[in-house]
Amino acid sequence: MRQRVLRRLTMMCIVAFAIGHSVTAQQPQGGGAPPAGGRGGAPAGPGLTLTSTAWPDGGEIPAKHAGAMGVSPALSWTNVPMGTAEFVLIMNDPEPVRPALSVTGDILHWMMVKIPASTTSLPEGAGAATSTTLPAGARQVAPFRGPGAPAAGPRHHYTLTLYALNAPLTLAENADRAAVMAAMEGKVLARGIFGGRFMQTAAPAAAK
C-alpha cells in the first residue's frame, strides 16, 4: 500500500514538472512582456525628418543663402505622420534678444503656412517675396531673409522647423507669427528640425 502511494506521488510530480516546463517554453523571452515601441509591439519608426542639400545639418550656411539678398534653401522632408492635414515652416535665430530684455524674443527669418499635406519638398528660392514656386494654397507670413550675424560676434545658430498639423489652420489675411503660433496650439503631430550656423566675414583691414 505504501509503495503504491509513493508511486502515485512520483507520477504526480513528473506530470507537474512537464506542464510547468511546457508553459515556460511558450512564453516570449524577457518574461513575456511585449516589445517596446509602436502599436502591436512593432518598433517605433523615425520621426518627421527635415533635410536640405544647401548645407549639412548644423553646418555653415553658405553666403548664397545669407543676407538681405540671400536665397532660401531647397528643403525636403520624410516620415510624415498619418493624419497630417498641412505643414507650417519657421526659420528663426533664437540667440538675439529681440525685443530688448525679452524672455522669449528672437529674430524671425522665414515663415510659411498652409503648406499642403501632400507636399514633401520646397525648391530653392521658394521663400522669395515674389515667389512663383509656392505649393498651391501655401502662403508666406514672412518671406525668407537670410542670416546676418555680424562678424564682431559669435556665430549664430539658425533653426528651420517644420510642423505637421492634424487640422488646417484658420488664419486672417494679416495673421502674424503670434497669431499662427496660437492657432497651432493643440494641433502639432510632429516637428522636423534642421539647423545651420552663420557669421559674416570681417572686411580686410585697409593697408597703411
N, C-alpha and C. Protein backbone atom coordinates (compact mmCIF):
# COMPACT_ATOMS: atom_id res chain seq x y z
N MET A 1 0.83 -1.20 0.00
CA MET A 1 0.00 0.00 0.00
C MET A 1 0.87 1.26 0.00
N ARG A 2 1.88 1.24 0.84
CA ARG A 2 2.79 2.38 0.93
C ARG A 2 3.52 2.62 -0.38
N GLN A 3 3.94 1.54 -1.05
CA GLN A 3 4.65 1.66 -2.32
C GLN A 3 3.74 2.23 -3.40
N ARG A 4 2.46 1.83 -3.34
CA ARG A 4 1.51 2.35 -4.33
C ARG A 4 1.32 3.86 -4.17
N VAL A 5 1.25 4.31 -2.93
CA VAL A 5 1.11 5.75 -2.67
C VAL A 5 2.34 6.51 -3.14
N LEU A 6 3.52 5.95 -2.90
CA LEU A 6 4.75 6.60 -3.33
C LEU A 6 4.84 6.71 -4.84
N ARG A 7 4.42 5.62 -5.53
CA ARG A 7 4.44 5.65 -7.00
C ARG A 7 3.49 6.72 -7.52
N ARG A 8 2.32 6.85 -6.89
CA ARG A 8 1.33 7.83 -7.34
C ARG A 8 1.85 9.27 -7.13
N LEU A 9 2.49 9.50 -5.97
CA LEU A 9 3.07 10.82 -5.72
C LEU A 9 4.18 11.15 -6.71
N THR A 10 4.99 10.13 -7.03
CA THR A 10 6.08 10.34 -8.00
C THR A 10 5.53 10.71 -9.37
N MET A 11 4.46 10.02 -9.82
CA MET A 11 3.85 10.30 -11.12
C MET A 11 3.26 11.71 -11.14
N MET A 12 2.65 12.16 -10.05
CA MET A 12 2.07 13.50 -9.99
C MET A 12 3.16 14.57 -10.10
N CYS A 13 4.31 14.32 -9.46
CA CYS A 13 5.42 15.27 -9.53
C CYS A 13 5.96 15.37 -10.95
N ILE A 14 6.07 14.23 -11.64
CA ILE A 14 6.58 14.21 -13.01
C ILE A 14 5.64 14.98 -13.94
N VAL A 15 4.32 14.75 -13.80
CA VAL A 15 3.34 15.46 -14.65
C VAL A 15 3.38 16.96 -14.39
N ALA A 16 3.46 17.37 -13.11
CA ALA A 16 3.51 18.80 -12.78
C ALA A 16 4.75 19.46 -13.36
N PHE A 17 5.89 18.79 -13.30
CA PHE A 17 7.13 19.33 -13.87
C PHE A 17 7.01 19.50 -15.38
N ALA A 18 6.42 18.51 -16.06
CA ALA A 18 6.29 18.56 -17.52
C ALA A 18 5.39 19.72 -17.94
N ILE A 19 4.28 19.94 -17.22
CA ILE A 19 3.37 21.05 -17.55
C ILE A 19 4.05 22.40 -17.34
N GLY A 20 4.76 22.54 -16.22
CA GLY A 20 5.45 23.80 -15.95
C GLY A 20 6.51 24.11 -16.98
N HIS A 21 7.25 23.13 -17.42
CA HIS A 21 8.29 23.32 -18.43
C HIS A 21 7.68 23.73 -19.76
N SER A 22 6.53 23.13 -20.11
CA SER A 22 5.87 23.46 -21.37
C SER A 22 5.39 24.90 -21.38
N VAL A 23 4.80 25.40 -20.28
CA VAL A 23 4.32 26.77 -20.20
C VAL A 23 5.48 27.77 -20.30
N THR A 24 6.59 27.45 -19.61
CA THR A 24 7.76 28.34 -19.66
C THR A 24 8.32 28.44 -21.06
N ALA A 25 8.36 27.33 -21.79
CA ALA A 25 8.92 27.33 -23.15
C ALA A 25 8.09 28.15 -24.10
N GLN A 26 6.77 28.32 -23.85
CA GLN A 26 5.90 29.06 -24.76
C GLN A 26 5.93 30.56 -24.51
N GLN A 27 6.45 30.99 -23.37
CA GLN A 27 6.50 32.42 -23.07
C GLN A 27 7.58 33.10 -23.89
N PRO A 28 7.35 34.37 -24.37
CA PRO A 28 8.38 35.12 -25.08
C PRO A 28 9.56 35.40 -24.16
N GLN A 29 10.73 35.57 -24.76
CA GLN A 29 11.90 35.92 -23.97
C GLN A 29 11.68 37.27 -23.31
N GLY A 30 12.32 37.49 -22.19
CA GLY A 30 12.16 38.75 -21.47
C GLY A 30 10.99 38.72 -20.53
N GLY A 31 10.53 37.56 -20.13
CA GLY A 31 9.46 37.48 -19.15
C GLY A 31 8.08 37.62 -19.74
N GLY A 32 7.97 37.58 -21.09
CA GLY A 32 6.66 37.64 -21.72
C GLY A 32 6.15 39.04 -21.93
N ALA A 33 6.93 40.09 -21.59
CA ALA A 33 6.49 41.46 -21.81
C ALA A 33 6.56 41.79 -23.28
N PRO A 34 5.58 42.54 -23.82
CA PRO A 34 5.61 42.90 -25.24
C PRO A 34 6.77 43.82 -25.52
N PRO A 35 7.36 43.74 -26.73
CA PRO A 35 8.50 44.59 -27.06
C PRO A 35 8.13 46.06 -26.97
N ALA A 36 9.10 46.87 -26.55
CA ALA A 36 8.85 48.31 -26.50
C ALA A 36 8.77 48.84 -27.91
N GLY A 37 7.97 49.91 -28.08
CA GLY A 37 7.90 50.53 -29.40
C GLY A 37 6.49 50.90 -29.76
N GLY A 38 6.15 50.70 -31.02
CA GLY A 38 4.87 51.15 -31.53
C GLY A 38 3.75 50.19 -31.26
N ARG A 39 2.62 50.43 -31.91
CA ARG A 39 1.42 49.65 -31.72
C ARG A 39 1.66 48.20 -32.10
N GLY A 40 1.10 47.26 -31.31
CA GLY A 40 1.24 45.85 -31.62
C GLY A 40 2.64 45.33 -31.36
N GLY A 41 3.46 46.09 -30.63
CA GLY A 41 4.81 45.61 -30.33
C GLY A 41 5.81 45.93 -31.41
N ALA A 42 5.39 46.59 -32.51
CA ALA A 42 6.32 46.92 -33.58
C ALA A 42 7.22 48.06 -33.13
N PRO A 43 8.50 48.08 -33.52
CA PRO A 43 9.39 49.16 -33.12
C PRO A 43 8.89 50.51 -33.63
N ALA A 44 9.06 51.56 -32.85
CA ALA A 44 8.65 52.89 -33.26
C ALA A 44 9.48 53.35 -34.45
N GLY A 45 8.83 53.95 -35.44
CA GLY A 45 9.53 54.40 -36.63
C GLY A 45 10.19 55.76 -36.40
N PRO A 46 11.01 56.21 -37.35
CA PRO A 46 11.67 57.51 -37.22
C PRO A 46 10.65 58.64 -37.30
N GLY A 47 10.97 59.77 -36.69
CA GLY A 47 10.06 60.90 -36.70
C GLY A 47 10.20 61.74 -37.97
N LEU A 48 9.40 62.78 -38.07
CA LEU A 48 9.43 63.69 -39.19
C LEU A 48 10.85 64.22 -39.37
N THR A 49 11.40 64.10 -40.58
CA THR A 49 12.80 64.44 -40.83
C THR A 49 12.90 65.51 -41.90
N LEU A 50 13.50 66.65 -41.56
CA LEU A 50 13.69 67.77 -42.48
C LEU A 50 15.16 67.82 -42.90
N THR A 51 15.41 67.90 -44.22
CA THR A 51 16.78 67.92 -44.72
C THR A 51 16.93 68.97 -45.82
N SER A 52 18.18 69.24 -46.19
CA SER A 52 18.48 70.17 -47.27
C SER A 52 19.79 69.79 -47.93
N THR A 53 19.89 70.10 -49.20
CA THR A 53 21.15 69.89 -49.93
C THR A 53 22.02 71.14 -49.91
N ALA A 54 21.51 72.22 -49.30
CA ALA A 54 22.22 73.50 -49.31
C ALA A 54 23.42 73.49 -48.37
N TRP A 55 23.29 72.82 -47.22
CA TRP A 55 24.40 72.68 -46.27
C TRP A 55 24.06 71.51 -45.36
N PRO A 56 25.05 70.90 -44.72
CA PRO A 56 24.77 69.78 -43.80
C PRO A 56 24.09 70.28 -42.53
N ASP A 57 23.29 69.44 -41.92
CA ASP A 57 22.59 69.82 -40.71
C ASP A 57 23.59 70.28 -39.65
N GLY A 58 23.40 71.50 -39.16
CA GLY A 58 24.29 72.07 -38.16
C GLY A 58 25.54 72.70 -38.73
N GLY A 59 25.70 72.65 -40.05
CA GLY A 59 26.91 73.17 -40.69
C GLY A 59 26.85 74.65 -41.01
N GLU A 60 27.90 75.12 -41.69
CA GLU A 60 27.99 76.52 -42.06
C GLU A 60 27.03 76.83 -43.21
N ILE A 61 26.28 77.92 -43.06
CA ILE A 61 25.35 78.34 -44.11
C ILE A 61 26.12 79.12 -45.16
N PRO A 62 26.08 78.70 -46.43
CA PRO A 62 26.83 79.40 -47.48
C PRO A 62 26.34 80.84 -47.66
N ALA A 63 27.24 81.69 -48.14
CA ALA A 63 26.92 83.11 -48.35
C ALA A 63 25.75 83.28 -49.31
N LYS A 64 25.56 82.34 -50.21
CA LYS A 64 24.45 82.39 -51.17
C LYS A 64 23.10 82.52 -50.48
N HIS A 65 23.00 81.95 -49.28
CA HIS A 65 21.72 81.93 -48.57
C HIS A 65 21.67 82.96 -47.44
N ALA A 66 22.66 83.85 -47.36
CA ALA A 66 22.75 84.81 -46.26
C ALA A 66 22.40 86.21 -46.71
N GLY A 67 22.10 87.04 -45.73
CA GLY A 67 21.86 88.46 -46.00
C GLY A 67 20.52 88.75 -46.65
N ALA A 68 20.29 90.05 -46.87
CA ALA A 68 19.02 90.50 -47.41
C ALA A 68 18.74 89.94 -48.79
N MET A 69 19.78 89.65 -49.55
CA MET A 69 19.62 89.12 -50.91
C MET A 69 19.77 87.60 -50.95
N GLY A 70 19.83 86.97 -49.78
CA GLY A 70 20.01 85.53 -49.72
C GLY A 70 18.83 84.77 -50.31
N VAL A 71 19.13 83.60 -50.84
CA VAL A 71 18.13 82.73 -51.47
C VAL A 71 17.76 81.62 -50.49
N SER A 72 16.47 81.38 -50.34
CA SER A 72 16.04 80.33 -49.42
C SER A 72 16.52 78.97 -49.91
N PRO A 73 16.92 78.09 -49.00
CA PRO A 73 17.46 76.78 -49.40
C PRO A 73 16.36 75.82 -49.87
N ALA A 74 16.76 74.87 -50.70
CA ALA A 74 15.86 73.77 -51.05
C ALA A 74 15.69 72.90 -49.82
N LEU A 75 14.46 72.47 -49.56
CA LEU A 75 14.16 71.64 -48.41
C LEU A 75 13.35 70.42 -48.83
N SER A 76 13.50 69.33 -48.11
CA SER A 76 12.66 68.15 -48.34
C SER A 76 12.45 67.47 -47.00
N TRP A 77 11.37 66.69 -46.91
CA TRP A 77 11.07 66.00 -45.65
C TRP A 77 10.44 64.64 -45.90
N THR A 78 10.64 63.78 -44.92
CA THR A 78 10.16 62.41 -44.99
C THR A 78 9.54 62.01 -43.64
N ASN A 79 8.98 60.80 -43.59
CA ASN A 79 8.38 60.26 -42.37
C ASN A 79 7.25 61.14 -41.86
N VAL A 80 6.40 61.56 -42.78
CA VAL A 80 5.25 62.38 -42.41
C VAL A 80 4.25 61.52 -41.61
N PRO A 81 3.82 61.97 -40.44
CA PRO A 81 2.90 61.16 -39.63
C PRO A 81 1.52 61.05 -40.27
N MET A 82 0.86 59.91 -40.05
CA MET A 82 -0.51 59.74 -40.52
C MET A 82 -1.41 60.78 -39.86
N GLY A 83 -2.37 61.27 -40.63
CA GLY A 83 -3.29 62.27 -40.10
C GLY A 83 -2.85 63.70 -40.32
N THR A 84 -1.71 63.90 -41.01
CA THR A 84 -1.24 65.26 -41.27
C THR A 84 -2.18 65.97 -42.23
N ALA A 85 -2.63 67.17 -41.86
CA ALA A 85 -3.53 67.96 -42.69
C ALA A 85 -2.79 69.05 -43.45
N GLU A 86 -1.75 69.61 -42.85
CA GLU A 86 -0.93 70.63 -43.51
C GLU A 86 0.31 70.88 -42.67
N PHE A 87 1.24 71.69 -43.24
CA PHE A 87 2.51 71.99 -42.57
C PHE A 87 2.66 73.49 -42.35
N VAL A 88 3.48 73.82 -41.36
CA VAL A 88 3.94 75.19 -41.14
C VAL A 88 5.46 75.14 -41.06
N LEU A 89 6.13 76.07 -41.73
CA LEU A 89 7.59 76.14 -41.72
C LEU A 89 8.03 77.45 -41.08
N ILE A 90 8.96 77.36 -40.14
CA ILE A 90 9.50 78.55 -39.48
C ILE A 90 11.03 78.47 -39.46
N MET A 91 11.68 79.59 -39.80
CA MET A 91 13.13 79.71 -39.64
C MET A 91 13.38 80.88 -38.71
N ASN A 92 14.17 80.65 -37.67
CA ASN A 92 14.44 81.73 -36.73
C ASN A 92 15.86 81.63 -36.17
N ASP A 93 16.29 82.74 -35.62
CA ASP A 93 17.56 82.82 -34.90
C ASP A 93 17.21 83.05 -33.44
N PRO A 94 17.34 82.02 -32.59
CA PRO A 94 16.90 82.15 -31.20
C PRO A 94 17.88 82.87 -30.28
N GLU A 95 19.03 83.27 -30.78
CA GLU A 95 20.06 83.81 -29.89
C GLU A 95 19.94 85.30 -29.58
N PRO A 96 19.63 86.16 -30.56
CA PRO A 96 19.47 87.57 -30.19
C PRO A 96 18.24 87.76 -29.31
N VAL A 97 18.27 88.74 -28.43
CA VAL A 97 17.12 89.05 -27.60
C VAL A 97 16.38 90.23 -28.23
N ARG A 98 15.34 89.91 -28.99
CA ARG A 98 14.54 90.94 -29.63
C ARG A 98 13.07 90.69 -29.32
N PRO A 99 12.34 91.66 -28.80
CA PRO A 99 12.82 93.00 -28.41
C PRO A 99 13.74 92.94 -27.20
N ALA A 100 14.41 94.02 -26.94
CA ALA A 100 15.39 94.07 -25.86
C ALA A 100 14.77 93.66 -24.53
N LEU A 101 15.52 92.86 -23.79
CA LEU A 101 15.14 92.37 -22.47
C LEU A 101 14.00 91.35 -22.50
N SER A 102 13.63 90.88 -23.69
CA SER A 102 12.55 89.90 -23.79
C SER A 102 13.01 88.53 -23.30
N VAL A 103 12.10 87.76 -22.74
CA VAL A 103 12.41 86.41 -22.27
C VAL A 103 12.44 85.43 -23.43
N THR A 104 11.50 85.58 -24.37
CA THR A 104 11.37 84.62 -25.46
C THR A 104 11.67 85.21 -26.83
N GLY A 105 12.09 86.46 -26.88
CA GLY A 105 12.29 87.11 -28.16
C GLY A 105 13.39 86.49 -29.00
N ASP A 106 13.24 86.54 -30.31
CA ASP A 106 14.26 86.10 -31.24
C ASP A 106 14.03 86.83 -32.56
N ILE A 107 14.73 86.40 -33.62
CA ILE A 107 14.56 87.03 -34.93
C ILE A 107 13.95 86.00 -35.88
N LEU A 108 12.82 86.37 -36.47
CA LEU A 108 12.15 85.52 -37.45
C LEU A 108 12.77 85.76 -38.82
N HIS A 109 13.18 84.66 -39.49
CA HIS A 109 13.80 84.78 -40.81
C HIS A 109 12.92 84.23 -41.94
N TRP A 110 11.91 83.45 -41.60
CA TRP A 110 11.06 82.88 -42.65
C TRP A 110 9.87 82.22 -41.98
N MET A 111 8.68 82.39 -42.55
CA MET A 111 7.51 81.69 -42.04
C MET A 111 6.52 81.45 -43.16
N MET A 112 6.24 80.19 -43.41
CA MET A 112 5.30 79.78 -44.44
C MET A 112 4.22 78.92 -43.80
N VAL A 113 2.98 79.18 -44.14
CA VAL A 113 1.86 78.44 -43.57
C VAL A 113 1.00 77.82 -44.67
N LYS A 114 0.06 76.96 -44.25
CA LYS A 114 -0.89 76.33 -45.17
C LYS A 114 -0.20 75.50 -46.25
N ILE A 115 0.94 74.90 -45.93
CA ILE A 115 1.62 74.02 -46.88
C ILE A 115 0.83 72.71 -46.94
N PRO A 116 0.37 72.30 -48.12
CA PRO A 116 -0.48 71.11 -48.22
C PRO A 116 0.21 69.84 -47.70
N ALA A 117 -0.60 68.94 -47.17
CA ALA A 117 -0.07 67.68 -46.60
C ALA A 117 0.61 66.82 -47.66
N SER A 118 0.25 67.00 -48.92
CA SER A 118 0.85 66.20 -50.00
C SER A 118 2.24 66.70 -50.39
N THR A 119 2.65 67.86 -49.89
CA THR A 119 3.94 68.44 -50.23
C THR A 119 5.05 67.76 -49.44
N THR A 120 6.14 67.44 -50.11
CA THR A 120 7.29 66.82 -49.44
C THR A 120 8.59 67.58 -49.69
N SER A 121 8.51 68.73 -50.37
CA SER A 121 9.74 69.50 -50.61
C SER A 121 9.39 70.92 -51.03
N LEU A 122 10.38 71.80 -50.91
CA LEU A 122 10.30 73.17 -51.40
C LEU A 122 11.55 73.42 -52.23
N PRO A 123 11.41 74.00 -53.43
CA PRO A 123 12.60 74.26 -54.25
C PRO A 123 13.37 75.45 -53.73
N GLU A 124 14.62 75.54 -54.14
CA GLU A 124 15.44 76.70 -53.78
C GLU A 124 14.76 77.97 -54.27
N GLY A 125 14.74 78.98 -53.42
CA GLY A 125 14.15 80.25 -53.81
C GLY A 125 12.65 80.36 -53.55
N ALA A 126 12.04 79.31 -53.01
CA ALA A 126 10.59 79.35 -52.78
C ALA A 126 10.20 80.40 -51.76
N GLY A 127 11.15 80.81 -50.93
CA GLY A 127 10.85 81.78 -49.88
C GLY A 127 10.90 83.22 -50.30
N ALA A 128 11.17 83.50 -51.57
CA ALA A 128 11.25 84.89 -52.04
C ALA A 128 9.91 85.59 -51.90
N ALA A 129 9.94 86.90 -51.66
CA ALA A 129 8.71 87.67 -51.52
C ALA A 129 7.85 87.58 -52.77
N THR A 130 8.48 87.43 -53.91
CA THR A 130 7.75 87.34 -55.18
C THR A 130 7.76 85.91 -55.72
N SER A 131 7.87 84.93 -54.85
CA SER A 131 7.99 83.54 -55.26
C SER A 131 6.82 83.09 -56.13
N THR A 132 7.15 82.32 -57.16
CA THR A 132 6.13 81.71 -58.03
C THR A 132 6.15 80.19 -57.89
N THR A 133 6.88 79.70 -56.91
CA THR A 133 7.02 78.25 -56.75
C THR A 133 6.43 77.74 -55.43
N LEU A 134 5.57 78.53 -54.81
CA LEU A 134 4.93 78.07 -53.58
C LEU A 134 3.95 76.94 -53.91
N PRO A 135 3.81 75.95 -53.04
CA PRO A 135 2.79 74.92 -53.25
C PRO A 135 1.40 75.57 -53.27
N ALA A 136 0.49 74.99 -54.02
CA ALA A 136 -0.86 75.55 -54.12
C ALA A 136 -1.49 75.69 -52.74
N GLY A 137 -1.95 76.89 -52.45
CA GLY A 137 -2.60 77.14 -51.16
C GLY A 137 -1.68 77.65 -50.08
N ALA A 138 -0.37 77.45 -50.23
CA ALA A 138 0.58 77.92 -49.22
C ALA A 138 0.73 79.44 -49.30
N ARG A 139 1.07 80.05 -48.18
CA ARG A 139 1.31 81.48 -48.19
C ARG A 139 2.39 81.82 -47.18
N GLN A 140 3.03 82.96 -47.40
CA GLN A 140 4.14 83.36 -46.54
C GLN A 140 3.70 84.44 -45.57
N VAL A 141 3.89 84.17 -44.31
CA VAL A 141 3.66 85.18 -43.28
C VAL A 141 4.86 86.12 -43.25
N ALA A 142 6.06 85.56 -43.48
CA ALA A 142 7.29 86.34 -43.56
C ALA A 142 8.17 85.72 -44.64
N PRO A 143 8.46 86.44 -45.74
CA PRO A 143 9.36 85.90 -46.77
C PRO A 143 10.74 85.64 -46.20
N PHE A 144 11.51 84.83 -46.91
CA PHE A 144 12.85 84.46 -46.45
C PHE A 144 13.76 85.67 -46.36
N ARG A 145 14.46 85.77 -45.25
CA ARG A 145 15.51 86.78 -45.05
C ARG A 145 16.72 86.04 -44.51
N GLY A 146 17.81 86.07 -45.25
CA GLY A 146 18.98 85.27 -44.91
C GLY A 146 19.65 85.69 -43.62
N PRO A 147 20.43 84.79 -43.03
CA PRO A 147 21.18 85.08 -41.80
C PRO A 147 22.10 86.28 -41.97
N GLY A 148 22.33 86.99 -40.88
CA GLY A 148 23.19 88.17 -40.96
C GLY A 148 23.97 88.44 -39.70
N ALA A 149 24.30 87.40 -38.93
CA ALA A 149 25.04 87.60 -37.69
C ALA A 149 26.34 88.36 -37.99
N PRO A 150 26.64 89.42 -37.24
CA PRO A 150 27.81 90.26 -37.54
C PRO A 150 29.13 89.55 -37.27
N ALA A 151 30.15 90.00 -37.98
CA ALA A 151 31.47 89.39 -37.85
C ALA A 151 32.07 89.64 -36.47
N ALA A 152 31.63 90.69 -35.79
CA ALA A 152 32.21 91.04 -34.50
C ALA A 152 31.80 90.08 -33.38
N GLY A 153 30.72 89.36 -33.57
CA GLY A 153 30.22 88.49 -32.51
C GLY A 153 30.41 87.02 -32.85
N PRO A 154 29.85 86.14 -32.01
CA PRO A 154 29.96 84.70 -32.25
C PRO A 154 29.02 84.26 -33.37
N ARG A 155 29.26 83.09 -33.90
CA ARG A 155 28.35 82.52 -34.89
C ARG A 155 26.98 82.32 -34.26
N HIS A 156 25.95 82.59 -35.04
CA HIS A 156 24.59 82.34 -34.57
C HIS A 156 24.10 81.02 -35.14
N HIS A 157 23.20 80.40 -34.41
CA HIS A 157 22.62 79.12 -34.84
C HIS A 157 21.20 79.37 -35.32
N TYR A 158 20.95 79.04 -36.58
CA TYR A 158 19.66 79.27 -37.20
C TYR A 158 18.91 77.95 -37.30
N THR A 159 17.62 77.99 -36.98
CA THR A 159 16.83 76.78 -36.91
C THR A 159 15.64 76.85 -37.86
N LEU A 160 15.52 75.81 -38.71
CA LEU A 160 14.33 75.64 -39.55
C LEU A 160 13.50 74.53 -38.90
N THR A 161 12.24 74.81 -38.64
CA THR A 161 11.35 73.84 -38.01
C THR A 161 10.12 73.65 -38.88
N LEU A 162 9.86 72.40 -39.24
CA LEU A 162 8.66 72.05 -39.99
C LEU A 162 7.68 71.38 -39.04
N TYR A 163 6.48 71.93 -38.94
CA TYR A 163 5.44 71.38 -38.07
C TYR A 163 4.40 70.65 -38.91
N ALA A 164 4.10 69.41 -38.54
CA ALA A 164 3.00 68.67 -39.15
C ALA A 164 1.78 68.84 -38.27
N LEU A 165 0.68 69.35 -38.85
CA LEU A 165 -0.53 69.65 -38.07
C LEU A 165 -1.65 68.66 -38.40
N ASN A 166 -2.47 68.37 -37.41
CA ASN A 166 -3.55 67.41 -37.62
C ASN A 166 -4.85 68.05 -38.09
N ALA A 167 -4.84 69.38 -38.27
CA ALA A 167 -6.02 70.09 -38.75
C ALA A 167 -5.57 71.37 -39.45
N PRO A 168 -6.32 71.81 -40.46
CA PRO A 168 -5.94 73.06 -41.15
C PRO A 168 -6.08 74.26 -40.22
N LEU A 169 -5.26 75.27 -40.46
CA LEU A 169 -5.34 76.50 -39.68
C LEU A 169 -6.33 77.48 -40.31
N THR A 170 -7.08 78.14 -39.48
CA THR A 170 -7.94 79.23 -39.93
C THR A 170 -7.26 80.53 -39.52
N LEU A 171 -6.79 81.28 -40.53
CA LEU A 171 -5.99 82.47 -40.25
C LEU A 171 -6.53 83.68 -41.00
N ALA A 172 -6.44 84.83 -40.36
CA ALA A 172 -6.77 86.08 -41.04
C ALA A 172 -5.71 86.38 -42.08
N GLU A 173 -6.05 87.19 -43.06
CA GLU A 173 -5.10 87.52 -44.12
C GLU A 173 -3.86 88.21 -43.58
N ASN A 174 -4.02 88.98 -42.53
CA ASN A 174 -2.89 89.72 -41.95
C ASN A 174 -2.32 89.02 -40.72
N ALA A 175 -2.53 87.71 -40.58
CA ALA A 175 -2.05 86.97 -39.42
C ALA A 175 -0.53 87.08 -39.31
N ASP A 176 -0.05 87.36 -38.09
CA ASP A 176 1.38 87.43 -37.87
C ASP A 176 1.84 86.15 -37.17
N ARG A 177 3.12 86.14 -36.80
CA ARG A 177 3.68 84.93 -36.19
C ARG A 177 2.95 84.53 -34.92
N ALA A 178 2.64 85.49 -34.08
CA ALA A 178 1.97 85.19 -32.82
C ALA A 178 0.60 84.56 -33.07
N ALA A 179 -0.12 85.06 -34.08
CA ALA A 179 -1.44 84.51 -34.40
C ALA A 179 -1.32 83.09 -34.93
N VAL A 180 -0.30 82.84 -35.73
CA VAL A 180 -0.10 81.49 -36.26
C VAL A 180 0.22 80.51 -35.15
N MET A 181 1.14 80.89 -34.27
CA MET A 181 1.52 80.01 -33.18
C MET A 181 0.33 79.71 -32.27
N ALA A 182 -0.52 80.69 -32.04
CA ALA A 182 -1.70 80.48 -31.20
C ALA A 182 -2.67 79.52 -31.90
N ALA A 183 -2.82 79.66 -33.22
CA ALA A 183 -3.72 78.78 -33.96
C ALA A 183 -3.21 77.35 -34.03
N MET A 184 -1.88 77.17 -33.94
CA MET A 184 -1.27 75.84 -34.00
C MET A 184 -1.42 75.06 -32.70
N GLU A 185 -1.69 75.75 -31.62
CA GLU A 185 -1.75 75.11 -30.31
C GLU A 185 -2.75 73.94 -30.32
N GLY A 186 -2.29 72.77 -29.89
CA GLY A 186 -3.13 71.59 -29.83
C GLY A 186 -3.26 70.83 -31.13
N LYS A 187 -2.54 71.28 -32.18
CA LYS A 187 -2.66 70.63 -33.49
C LYS A 187 -1.36 70.01 -33.99
N VAL A 188 -0.27 70.11 -33.24
CA VAL A 188 1.04 69.66 -33.73
C VAL A 188 1.20 68.16 -33.53
N LEU A 189 1.34 67.44 -34.65
CA LEU A 189 1.59 66.00 -34.61
C LEU A 189 3.07 65.68 -34.46
N ALA A 190 3.91 66.46 -35.15
CA ALA A 190 5.35 66.19 -35.13
C ALA A 190 6.10 67.43 -35.60
N ARG A 191 7.41 67.45 -35.30
CA ARG A 191 8.29 68.53 -35.75
C ARG A 191 9.55 67.93 -36.37
N GLY A 192 9.96 68.52 -37.48
CA GLY A 192 11.24 68.17 -38.08
C GLY A 192 12.14 69.40 -38.00
N ILE A 193 13.37 69.23 -37.52
CA ILE A 193 14.25 70.38 -37.27
C ILE A 193 15.55 70.23 -38.06
N PHE A 194 15.97 71.32 -38.69
CA PHE A 194 17.22 71.37 -39.46
C PHE A 194 17.90 72.69 -39.13
N GLY A 195 19.21 72.66 -38.90
CA GLY A 195 19.89 73.87 -38.46
C GLY A 195 21.14 74.21 -39.24
N GLY A 196 21.63 75.40 -38.97
CA GLY A 196 22.88 75.85 -39.59
C GLY A 196 23.47 76.99 -38.79
N ARG A 197 24.74 77.31 -39.07
CA ARG A 197 25.45 78.38 -38.36
C ARG A 197 25.92 79.42 -39.37
N PHE A 198 26.00 80.67 -38.89
CA PHE A 198 26.48 81.72 -39.79
C PHE A 198 27.05 82.88 -39.00
N MET A 199 28.10 83.49 -39.60
CA MET A 199 28.69 84.72 -39.11
C MET A 199 29.30 85.41 -40.30
N GLN A 200 29.07 86.71 -40.45
CA GLN A 200 29.64 87.44 -41.57
C GLN A 200 31.16 87.43 -41.52
N THR A 201 31.77 87.52 -42.67
CA THR A 201 33.22 87.58 -42.76
C THR A 201 33.70 89.00 -42.54
N ALA A 202 34.67 89.17 -41.68
CA ALA A 202 35.19 90.50 -41.41
C ALA A 202 35.88 91.08 -42.64
N ALA A 203 35.67 92.36 -42.88
CA ALA A 203 36.31 93.03 -44.01
C ALA A 203 37.81 93.14 -43.76
N PRO A 204 38.60 92.94 -44.80
CA PRO A 204 40.07 93.04 -44.61
C PRO A 204 40.47 94.44 -44.18
N ALA A 205 41.47 94.51 -43.33
CA ALA A 205 41.94 95.81 -42.84
C ALA A 205 42.59 96.59 -43.98
N ALA A 206 42.35 97.88 -43.97
CA ALA A 206 42.91 98.74 -45.02
C ALA A 206 44.42 98.83 -44.85
N ALA A 207 45.10 98.87 -45.97
CA ALA A 207 46.57 98.98 -45.93
C ALA A 207 46.98 100.35 -45.42
N LYS A 208 48.03 100.38 -44.61
CA LYS A 208 48.51 101.65 -44.07
C LYS A 208 49.63 102.20 -44.93
